[in-house]
Amino acid sequence: MSTFQVNHPFLPSTEILKKYAELLVNFALGDDEGIKTGEVVELVVPDVAKALALQLQNSVLKAGGHPLLRLLPTGFDQHFFELADPQQLQFFPDRYIKSRIELIDHQIGIIADVNPFELINTDPEKILLSRDSKQKAREWLIDKETQGKFTWTLALWGVQAKASIVGLSLEEYWQQIINACFLDQSDPIAQWRRVKDLQLTIRKKLNQLKIDRLIIKGSHVDLVVKLGSERAWKGGADRNIPSFELFTSPDWRGTEGWIEFNQPVYRYGNHMDGVKLEFHQGVVTKAKAKQGQKLLDQMLKSSNANKIGEFSLTDSRLSRITHLMAETLYDENIGGPFGNMHLAIGSAYRDCYDGDASQVSRAEWKKMGYNESPEHTDIVSTEDRTVSAILMDGSELMIYSDGKYVL
């Protein structure tokens, strides 16, 4: 079959796609309040998800917003990296990108990876060179978000390639998406507000604890993660749909120990599996992968990508995801018997600052141990583990066991 042909052996009903779009436009954006009249919403949608793009456009229009549609062609990346020279890989149209970012108030990004291994034979150095050229755009968006002038969300479009990887039919794969997003319910937004209330209850307890550091123990992990001052736990079903996790951005300087991840990572048209990381004084000192070692090594060479930017735990009682999906957005939110834990190597989230992030300078972010990097890759473990908190007064409290928060 040609790269440019789109085959839909299964397509969700129009009713489901309308619910999906309404959820993203009227809940996920605007910090769970939806968009406001007159706001500009950029819709970044791969061509295979054209049916969802239509419903997203319609939902934005009904809400009084202005849709700005970017329909992305799939199957082009391999050709780009084969042909592009270093100058082309690093090309960045500053004025064009800057004006677009200044224009938009929100962004919805749809993931539809029709060929997860498209770049498996591409030199990772070329891929990351192209990624680094876009760092300025990421910084502009982060600054705008920090000022409270921009919100975004990510969501998944089911494709056969990912379904095949995890041993599901495309219809079964889509059913996981439908269930996870409450699209099988009459009012998905009401269900997400209920989930968020439960997450906020746990978050409030975590944020009241005054945690100095976390001790993570298990047969596949022995790790210390220092939270740092003025940190807050975040999570609550908005920036990603679905999102059942609670996370924070630690002080990278206090990471010690090791962790083995039992879930693969599909990243940059490539695949890593069996990743093990060892940390000393906050820096990755040893990194092994059973598959994808070259990509892992190249990623860690990126500026500050050898430090952590995020620590996350998912309570198995909250998640409706019951099957691995070969997609980080879902696998980092899976339930199962032990919930999941994931670390992100690379950039931190500034919204984990317990204060007014818009008043913090770049030098102050650095001083507090918030990592800054062009990289942010989540690596997931679904193995059993316990997580204890060492509080500021020196006392120890178990906060997570058997896949659940135990506060």
Foldseek 3Di string as FASTA:
>chain_A
DDLQDADPPDDDDLLLLLLVLLCQQCAQPPPGHGDAAAAEEEEEEEQNVVSSVVSNCVNCVVRNYHYDYDHHYPPCVLVCLVPDDLVRLLDDPVVVLVVVLVRHQEYEYEDDHQQLQSCAVGQLLSLVSSLVSCQVSVVSNLLCVLVVRYAYAYAYDQYQVLCVVQVHGSVVLVVLRCQQQVSVPPRSSVVLQVLLVVVVVLQVVVQVQQFQWKAKDDPFWGKIFGAFPQFGWDWRQHRYVVTQKIKIFGQLQPIATKGWAQDWARPSSHIWGGWMFGDDRNFTPDIDTPPDPSNVVSQSPFPQLRGWAMKMAGALVSGPRDGDRNDCSVQQHHRPQAGKIKIWRAFHRLVRGNDSSSPADPVRCVVRRGGHTSGTGIGMHSDFMWMWTQHPVRDIGTQGGRRHGDD
